[in-house]
Amino acid sequence: MAETITMPKLGFDMAEGTLVRWVKKVGETVNKGEVLAEIETDKATVEVESTAAGVVRLLLVEQGAVVPVNSPIAVVGTADETIEAPESSQMSIPGERGQDVESRVKAAEQAKAIPKAETVAAPAEGAVKASPLAKKIARDRSVDLNQIRGSGPGGRIVRRDIDVALQTADHGPLTAANVSSSVVHRPSSVADETVGMSKLRQAIARRMSESKTGIPHFYVTHEYKMDALMDLRAQFNKIVPEDEKLSVNDFIVNAAALTLRQFPNLNASLNGSSVLRHGQINVGIAVSVEGGLLTIVCRGADQKPLRQISAEVKAMAGRVRAGRVKPEDIEGSTFSISNMGMYDVENFAAIINPPEAAILAVGSARQVPVADEGVLKVGWRMKATISVDHRVSDGVEGAKFMKALGQFLEEPLRLVL
């Protein structure tokens, strides 16, 4: 029996998505869980998996179409059954108007069987695979997309490709000669430039404004002794392959998840006049991407060993930066961590990621002078700050959480026993 695939809702505030590319075509076989299409949301380009197995019988939207969530986008069924377009579909259906669905399916299958000519004409701008933002900048700056090789998924042109093309056109290729000359000569004045905001940047601006103005934040900062953790990490990383080495953040994710077991109010969301305490502890980890941040989600982080957390986070971060994330990679976090330790940041406070009740901001682990029982010596120290929704919790609970977190960070063997 034919099944209708709909535009998934990825996040509580997602209203629509752009169907960037069909991975499967009409007449091709698709398995349940296999990638059917790529969609672009406010956050990222996401691979949409088929929820049914069979033959792709009908594609209900064109590539590039903006589709509301839960709207039909495709029909999957058997090769010989009669297919009808879903009545709720308001999208344009490929094919000639007035032609019945079965005829369009047959026409698509016949067209697929016709051998194509070997000569390929240069594509027009409209046929070039490029993100909407890349196309807009190219039009505004008179850049020929046909002359650019895309670095995005499937060779898709993204904004960074346009930026590189503009830089090359304005300044020529980067060489040792012009790098050295730039050290000697001061650059000339540069004219003001208005740059359009990407969908991701717009989404961040909207969500952070709503969070900061709508959620009463309070902050608690704590400094942790990191000597034992840094020593344990160094010993572990000496005996494992390069791709299995643990980061300081892996310890922090595990430690925060275990601490949240004791503080369910901080693993929660405000739900009207009540607080929803989440049964599962899904830790979101902020990852820097082109033009902003995405949060990847380590699910059930309190139930997983350090090595599993590390492997999952590395895999998800790799997919995010390659522009090939899965919906489950970026949705469903119940508590977030923003770690800027790798940028030599001593301390900072993060903005809560709605609808969560708290976020932990982590600075660098540093070797600093410390006084220990009257003796001045060098020790590892790290500062972290928790931002909490004051409607859900209070300062004392925030302070108790930060102190309890220290039991795992300062005695890291608790994380491996």
Protein backbone atom coordinates (compact mmCIF):
# COMPACT_ATOMS: atom_id res chain seq x y z
CA MET A 1 0.00 0.00 0.00
CA ALA A 2 1.31 3.42 -0.96
CA GLU A 3 2.56 5.70 1.83
CA THR A 4 2.87 9.47 1.77
CA ILE A 5 6.12 11.07 2.95
CA THR A 6 5.70 14.49 4.56
CA MET A 7 7.97 17.44 5.33
CA PRO A 8 9.31 16.65 8.83
CA LYS A 9 9.15 19.14 11.69
CA LEU A 10 12.70 19.61 12.94
CA GLY A 11 12.45 21.67 16.08
CA PHE A 12 9.59 23.28 17.95
CA ASP A 13 9.86 26.56 16.01
CA MET A 14 10.23 25.16 12.47
CA ALA A 15 7.34 26.16 10.20
CA GLU A 16 8.69 25.30 6.75
CA GLY A 17 11.69 23.95 4.88
CA THR A 18 13.19 24.30 1.41
CA LEU A 19 13.45 21.07 -0.57
CA VAL A 20 16.98 21.45 -1.90
CA ARG A 21 17.47 18.17 -3.80
CA TRP A 22 15.74 14.89 -4.49
CA VAL A 23 18.22 12.07 -3.80
CA LYS A 24 15.80 9.48 -5.20
CA LYS A 25 13.91 9.85 -8.48
CA VAL A 26 10.56 8.50 -9.65
CA GLY A 27 10.83 4.77 -10.36
CA GLU A 28 13.82 4.18 -8.08
CA THR A 29 13.69 1.75 -5.18
CA VAL A 30 14.03 3.21 -1.67
CA ASN A 31 14.44 1.36 1.62
CA LYS A 32 13.00 2.51 4.93
CA GLY A 33 15.57 4.76 6.56
CA GLU A 34 17.35 5.49 3.28
CA VAL A 35 17.91 9.14 2.33
CA LEU A 36 15.12 10.38 0.08
CA ALA A 37 15.80 14.12 -0.14
CA GLU A 38 17.77 17.01 1.28
CA ILE A 39 15.94 19.92 2.88
CA GLU A 40 17.24 23.26 4.09
CA THR A 41 15.89 24.62 7.38
CA ASP A 42 16.77 27.76 9.29
CA LYS A 43 19.55 25.74 10.89
CA ALA A 44 21.13 23.45 8.32
CA THR A 45 20.79 21.26 5.26
CA VAL A 46 19.29 18.03 6.56
CA GLU A 47 18.95 14.59 4.98
CA VAL A 48 15.35 13.34 5.05
CA GLU A 49 15.00 9.58 5.38
CA SER A 50 12.14 7.65 3.85
CA THR A 51 9.62 6.35 6.38
CA ALA A 52 8.51 3.62 3.96
CA ALA A 53 10.09 0.99 1.71
CA GLY A 54 9.16 0.48 -1.94
CA VAL A 55 9.35 2.37 -5.22
CA VAL A 56 9.25 6.15 -5.45
CA ARG A 57 6.04 6.65 -7.41
CA LEU A 58 5.47 10.39 -7.14
CA LEU A 59 7.41 13.52 -6.17
CA LEU A 60 4.93 16.17 -5.09
CA VAL A 61 7.21 19.22 -4.95
CA GLU A 62 9.87 20.69 -7.18
CA GLN A 63 13.46 21.18 -6.06
CA GLY A 64 13.78 24.65 -4.54
CA ALA A 65 10.17 24.74 -3.30
CA VAL A 66 9.42 26.06 0.20
CA VAL A 67 7.19 23.51 1.91
CA PRO A 68 5.24 23.85 5.19
CA VAL A 69 5.93 21.15 7.79
CA ASN A 70 3.73 18.05 7.64
CA SER A 71 2.84 18.74 3.97
CA PRO A 72 3.11 15.77 1.56
CA ILE A 73 6.30 15.73 -0.48
CA ALA A 74 6.42 12.23 -2.01
CA VAL A 75 4.55 8.95 -2.41
CA VAL A 76 6.24 5.55 -2.01
CA GLY A 77 4.47 2.34 -3.00
CA THR A 78 4.70 -0.79 -5.13
CA ALA A 79 5.64 -0.66 -8.79
CA ASP A 80 2.24 -1.68 -10.13
CA GLU A 81 -0.37 -0.08 -7.84
CA THR A 82 -2.50 2.89 -8.83
CA ILE A 83 -1.27 6.10 -7.22
CA GLU A 84 -3.29 9.19 -6.41
CA ALA A 85 -1.93 12.49 -5.17
CA PRO A 86 -2.86 13.22 -1.52
CA GLU A 87 -5.85 15.55 -1.30
CA SER A 88 -4.10 17.75 1.25
CA SER A 89 -1.21 18.45 -1.10
CA GLN A 90 -1.13 22.10 -2.15
CA MET A 91 2.24 21.86 -3.86
CA SER A 92 2.93 21.85 -7.58
CA ILE A 93 3.27 18.34 -9.04
CA PRO A 94 5.85 17.76 -11.79
CA GLY A 95 4.24 17.12 -15.15
CA GLU A 96 1.64 18.70 -17.38
CA ARG A 97 -1.49 20.11 -15.75
CA GLY A 98 -4.63 18.11 -16.45
CA GLN A 99 -2.66 14.92 -16.85
CA ASP A 100 -3.68 12.20 -14.36
CA VAL A 101 -1.20 11.01 -11.75
CA GLU A 102 -0.72 7.53 -13.23
CA SER A 103 0.14 9.01 -16.63
CA ARG A 104 2.71 11.31 -15.08
CA VAL A 105 4.31 8.41 -13.23
CA LYS A 106 4.52 6.35 -16.44
CA ALA A 107 5.89 9.33 -18.36
CA ALA A 108 8.60 9.85 -15.74
CA GLU A 109 9.56 6.18 -15.85
CA GLN A 110 9.69 6.18 -19.66
CA ALA A 111 11.81 9.32 -19.68
CA LYS A 112 14.23 7.65 -17.29
CA ALA A 113 14.65 4.73 -19.71
CA ILE A 114 15.51 6.93 -22.72
CA PRO A 115 19.30 7.13 -23.28
CA LYS A 116 20.66 10.64 -22.91
CA ALA A 117 22.95 12.31 -25.42
CA GLU A 118 26.58 12.24 -24.48
CA THR A 119 27.14 15.91 -25.16
CA VAL A 120 26.30 18.12 -22.19
CA ALA A 121 25.52 21.78 -22.63
CA ALA A 122 26.74 24.33 -20.10
CA PRO A 123 24.04 24.76 -17.44
CA ALA A 124 22.15 28.00 -17.08
CA GLU A 125 22.36 29.83 -13.76
CA GLY A 126 18.99 28.48 -12.70
CA ALA A 127 20.24 24.89 -13.14
CA VAL A 128 23.37 25.37 -11.05
CA LYS A 129 23.21 23.71 -7.64
CA ALA A 130 23.61 26.56 -5.16
CA SER A 131 22.08 27.62 -1.87
CA PRO A 132 19.53 30.46 -2.00
CA LEU A 133 21.96 32.77 -0.16
CA ALA A 134 24.78 31.95 -2.59
CA LYS A 135 22.51 32.72 -5.56
CA LYS A 136 21.44 36.04 -4.06
CA ILE A 137 25.02 37.17 -3.36
CA ALA A 138 26.06 36.03 -6.85
CA ARG A 139 23.29 38.13 -8.42
CA ASP A 140 24.12 41.17 -6.27
CA ARG A 141 27.87 40.94 -6.99
CA SER A 142 27.59 39.83 -10.64
CA VAL A 143 29.31 36.50 -10.07
CA ASP A 144 28.94 33.78 -12.73
CA LEU A 145 27.93 30.64 -10.85
CA ASN A 146 28.92 28.47 -13.82
CA GLN A 147 32.57 29.39 -13.15
CA ILE A 148 32.53 28.25 -9.51
CA ARG A 149 33.09 24.76 -8.15
CA GLY A 150 30.86 24.13 -5.14
CA SER A 151 32.22 22.74 -1.87
CA GLY A 152 28.83 21.90 -0.36
CA PRO A 153 26.97 18.56 -0.39
CA GLY A 154 26.93 17.04 -3.88
CA GLY A 155 29.01 19.91 -5.29
CA ARG A 156 26.46 22.51 -4.20
CA ILE A 157 27.72 26.09 -4.21
CA VAL A 158 27.52 27.74 -0.79
CA ARG A 159 28.33 31.21 0.46
CA ARG A 160 31.98 30.49 1.24
CA ASP A 161 32.54 29.56 -2.42
CA ILE A 162 31.21 32.97 -3.50
CA ASP A 163 33.41 34.72 -0.91
CA VAL A 164 36.50 32.90 -2.20
CA ALA A 165 35.62 33.82 -5.81
CA LEU A 166 35.17 37.49 -4.87
CA GLN A 167 38.43 37.56 -2.92
CA THR A 168 40.32 36.02 -5.82
CA ALA A 169 38.79 38.49 -8.28
CA ASP A 170 39.56 41.52 -6.07
CA HIS A 171 43.03 40.62 -4.84
CA GLY A 172 44.32 37.81 -7.03
CA PRO A 173 45.51 34.44 -5.72
CA LEU A 174 47.09 34.36 -2.26
CA THR A 175 50.86 33.93 -2.60
CA ALA A 176 53.88 34.23 -0.35
CA ALA A 177 54.73 37.50 -2.08
CA ASN A 178 51.50 39.31 -1.39
CA VAL A 179 51.28 37.85 2.12
CA SER A 180 54.68 39.28 3.00
CA SER A 181 53.84 42.61 1.39
CA SER A 182 50.68 42.86 3.47
CA VAL A 183 52.86 42.82 6.57
CA VAL A 184 54.83 45.85 5.34
CA HIS A 185 52.05 47.96 3.78
CA ARG A 186 48.92 49.11 5.57
CA PRO A 187 45.70 48.28 3.70
CA SER A 188 43.75 51.05 2.03
CA SER A 189 40.37 52.09 3.43
CA VAL A 190 37.46 49.78 2.61
CA ALA A 191 33.97 50.98 1.72
CA ASP A 192 30.98 50.04 3.87
CA GLU A 193 29.30 46.83 2.83
CA THR A 194 25.81 45.55 3.55
CA VAL A 195 25.74 41.76 3.86
CA GLY A 196 22.52 39.78 3.91
CA MET A 197 21.91 37.47 6.88
CA SER A 198 21.73 33.75 6.18
CA LYS A 199 18.70 31.77 7.34
CA LEU A 200 20.82 30.33 10.13
CA ARG A 201 21.94 33.78 11.28
CA GLN A 202 18.36 35.05 11.15
CA ALA A 203 17.18 32.08 13.20
CA ILE A 204 19.92 32.65 15.79
CA ALA A 205 19.05 36.35 15.99
CA ARG A 206 15.36 35.61 16.47
CA ARG A 207 15.78 32.82 19.03
CA MET A 208 18.45 34.58 21.09
CA SER A 209 16.44 37.83 21.17
CA GLU A 210 13.39 35.92 22.36
CA SER A 211 15.48 34.08 24.95
CA LYS A 212 17.27 37.10 26.36
CA THR A 213 14.19 39.34 26.51
CA GLY A 214 11.66 36.66 27.47
CA ILE A 215 13.64 34.49 29.91
CA PRO A 216 14.93 35.93 33.22
CA HIS A 217 18.50 34.63 33.30
CA PHE A 218 20.67 34.28 36.36
CA TYR A 219 24.30 33.14 36.39
CA VAL A 220 26.53 31.12 38.71
CA THR A 221 30.30 30.78 38.09
CA HIS A 222 32.56 28.15 39.62
CA GLU A 223 36.27 27.36 39.27
CA TYR A 224 37.31 23.71 39.12
CA LYS A 225 40.58 21.94 39.92
CA MET A 226 41.40 20.08 36.70
CA ASP A 227 44.74 18.48 37.60
CA ALA A 228 43.39 14.93 38.01
CA LEU A 229 41.23 15.14 34.88
CA MET A 230 44.06 16.47 32.70
CA ASP A 231 46.37 13.74 33.99
CA LEU A 232 43.80 10.98 33.40
CA ARG A 233 43.06 12.28 29.89
CA ALA A 234 46.78 12.39 29.03
CA GLN A 235 47.28 8.80 30.20
CA PHE A 236 44.28 7.56 28.23
CA ASN A 237 45.22 9.39 25.03
CA LYS A 238 48.70 7.85 25.06
CA ILE A 239 47.34 4.34 24.54
CA VAL A 240 44.50 4.85 22.04
CA PRO A 241 44.52 5.65 18.30
CA GLU A 242 44.39 9.29 17.22
CA ASP A 243 40.71 9.16 16.21
CA GLU A 244 39.70 7.75 19.62
CA LYS A 245 41.39 10.34 21.82
CA LEU A 246 39.21 12.07 24.41
CA SER A 247 38.71 15.82 24.60
CA VAL A 248 38.15 17.79 27.79
CA ASN A 249 34.64 18.45 26.48
CA ASP A 250 33.88 14.71 26.43
CA PHE A 251 34.49 14.62 30.20
CA ILE A 252 32.35 17.73 30.71
CA VAL A 253 29.41 16.29 28.72
CA ASN A 254 29.47 13.08 30.74
CA ALA A 255 29.94 14.91 34.06
CA ALA A 256 27.10 17.37 33.37
CA ALA A 257 24.74 14.55 32.37
CA LEU A 258 25.46 12.57 35.54
CA THR A 259 25.05 15.70 37.68
CA LEU A 260 21.69 16.46 36.07
CA ARG A 261 20.34 13.21 37.53
CA GLN A 262 20.48 14.99 40.90
CA PHE A 263 18.92 18.21 39.56
CA PRO A 264 15.90 17.38 37.36
CA ASN A 265 14.75 21.02 37.49
CA LEU A 266 17.72 21.96 35.31
CA ASN A 267 16.94 19.21 32.77
CA ALA A 268 13.53 20.70 32.15
CA SER A 269 11.34 23.07 30.12
CA LEU A 270 8.72 25.56 31.21
CA ASN A 271 5.30 24.40 30.03
CA GLY A 272 2.77 27.11 30.77
CA SER A 273 2.20 27.12 34.53
CA SER A 274 4.05 23.82 35.01
CA VAL A 275 7.58 22.51 34.57
CA LEU A 276 8.23 19.54 32.30
CA ARG A 277 11.09 17.49 33.77
CA HIS A 278 12.54 15.41 30.96
CA GLY A 279 13.06 11.73 31.68
CA GLN A 280 15.97 11.47 29.24
CA ILE A 281 19.12 13.56 29.57
CA ASN A 282 20.02 14.75 26.05
CA VAL A 283 23.02 17.08 26.16
CA GLY A 284 23.29 19.62 23.35
CA ILE A 285 26.81 20.69 22.33
CA ALA A 286 27.27 23.95 20.44
CA VAL A 287 29.32 23.52 17.25
CA SER A 288 30.68 26.40 15.19
CA VAL A 289 29.68 26.30 11.52
CA GLU A 290 29.81 28.78 8.64
CA GLY A 291 27.73 31.79 9.61
CA GLY A 292 26.74 30.69 13.11
CA LEU A 293 26.25 27.80 15.52
CA LEU A 294 24.42 24.50 15.53
CA THR A 295 23.69 22.33 18.54
CA ILE A 296 24.36 18.61 18.14
CA VAL A 297 22.68 16.28 20.62
CA CYS A 298 24.21 13.43 22.62
CA ARG A 299 21.16 11.45 23.69
CA GLY A 300 21.07 9.66 27.01
CA ALA A 301 24.51 11.05 27.87
CA ASP A 302 24.18 9.88 31.47
CA GLN A 303 23.87 6.27 30.25
CA LYS A 304 26.92 6.21 27.98
CA PRO A 305 30.64 5.69 28.68
CA LEU A 306 33.16 8.38 27.78
CA ARG A 307 34.44 6.63 24.65
CA GLN A 308 30.94 6.28 23.21
CA ILE A 309 30.15 9.93 23.92
CA SER A 310 33.40 10.96 22.25
CA ALA A 311 32.79 8.84 19.14
CA GLU A 312 29.19 10.03 18.71
CA VAL A 313 30.08 13.70 19.16
CA LYS A 314 32.95 13.46 16.63
CA ALA A 315 30.68 11.77 14.06
CA MET A 316 27.86 14.32 14.48
CA ALA A 317 30.23 17.31 14.37
CA GLY A 318 31.75 15.92 11.17
CA ARG A 319 28.32 15.59 9.54
CA VAL A 320 27.34 19.10 10.62
CA ARG A 321 30.47 20.68 9.15
CA ALA A 322 30.06 18.66 5.95
CA GLY A 323 26.47 19.88 5.62
CA ARG A 324 25.04 16.36 5.86
CA VAL A 325 23.33 16.28 9.23
CA LYS A 326 20.52 13.95 10.23
CA PRO A 327 17.41 15.30 12.01
CA GLU A 328 18.27 13.41 15.19
CA ASP A 329 21.76 15.02 15.21
CA ILE A 330 20.42 18.49 15.99
CA GLU A 331 17.03 18.11 17.67
CA GLY A 332 15.79 17.09 21.11
CA SER A 333 18.37 18.53 23.52
CA THR A 334 17.23 19.04 27.13
CA PHE A 335 20.35 20.85 28.44
CA SER A 336 23.15 22.56 26.49
CA ILE A 337 26.90 23.11 26.81
CA SER A 338 28.82 25.86 25.04
CA ASN A 339 32.58 25.31 25.30
CA MET A 340 34.97 28.04 24.11
CA GLY A 341 38.00 26.65 25.90
CA MET A 342 39.77 25.99 22.62
CA TYR A 343 39.78 29.76 21.95
CA ASP A 344 41.69 30.61 25.15
CA VAL A 345 38.59 32.07 26.82
CA GLU A 346 38.84 32.42 30.59
CA ASN A 347 35.12 32.74 31.32
CA PHE A 348 31.83 33.77 29.68
CA ALA A 349 28.06 33.48 30.11
CA ALA A 350 25.86 31.86 27.47
CA ILE A 351 22.26 32.59 26.46
CA ILE A 352 19.73 29.84 27.24
CA ASN A 353 18.61 27.78 24.23
CA PRO A 354 14.78 27.67 24.39
CA PRO A 355 12.84 25.71 25.48
CA GLU A 356 15.60 24.44 27.79
CA ALA A 357 15.94 25.74 31.37
CA ALA A 358 19.75 26.01 31.54
CA ILE A 359 23.03 26.13 29.61
CA LEU A 360 26.61 25.62 30.80
CA ALA A 361 29.35 27.92 29.43
CA VAL A 362 32.87 26.47 29.70
CA GLY A 363 36.17 28.34 29.52
CA SER A 364 39.73 27.12 29.04
CA ALA A 365 41.55 24.66 31.29
CA ARG A 366 44.68 26.66 32.17
CA GLN A 367 47.87 26.23 34.13
CA VAL A 368 47.90 29.09 36.63
CA PRO A 369 49.55 29.96 39.98
CA VAL A 370 47.49 28.47 42.82
CA ALA A 371 47.80 28.44 46.60
CA ASP A 372 47.48 24.93 48.03
CA GLU A 373 47.65 24.64 51.83
CA GLY A 374 49.82 27.74 52.05
CA VAL A 375 52.15 26.65 49.23
CA LEU A 376 52.24 28.53 45.91
CA LYS A 377 52.46 26.22 42.90
CA VAL A 378 51.22 25.72 39.34
CA GLY A 379 47.91 23.93 38.86
CA TRP A 380 45.21 23.30 36.27
CA ARG A 381 42.07 25.39 36.73
CA MET A 382 38.92 25.86 34.64
CA LYS A 383 36.00 28.25 35.07
CA ALA A 384 32.44 27.51 34.02
CA THR A 385 29.20 29.50 34.29
CA ILE A 386 25.68 28.14 34.29
CA SER A 387 22.83 30.31 32.96
CA VAL A 388 19.45 29.31 34.42
CA ASP A 389 15.84 30.28 33.76
CA HIS A 390 14.80 31.97 37.02
CA ARG A 391 11.18 30.98 36.43
CA VAL A 392 12.16 27.33 36.74
CA SER A 393 14.93 27.40 39.33
CA ASP A 394 16.77 29.63 41.81
CA GLY A 395 20.34 30.63 42.61
CA VAL A 396 20.85 28.12 45.39
CA GLU A 397 19.96 25.21 43.11
CA GLY A 398 22.29 26.59 40.43
CA ALA A 399 25.11 26.85 42.97
CA LYS A 400 24.49 23.31 44.25
CA PHE A 401 24.60 21.99 40.68
CA MET A 402 27.94 23.66 40.01
CA LYS A 403 29.39 22.27 43.24
CA ALA A 404 28.11 18.77 42.47
CA LEU A 405 29.57 19.00 38.97
CA GLY A 406 32.97 19.41 40.61
CA GLN A 407 32.74 15.92 42.14
CA PHE A 408 33.01 14.45 38.65
CA LEU A 409 35.44 16.97 37.14
CA GLU A 410 37.82 17.02 40.11
CA GLU A 411 37.54 13.25 40.75
CA PRO A 412 37.27 11.98 37.14
CA LEU A 413 37.63 8.30 38.09
CA ARG A 414 33.94 8.56 39.01
CA LEU A 415 33.27 8.86 35.27
CA VAL A 416 35.00 5.59 34.39
CA LEU A 417 33.93 3.37 37.30
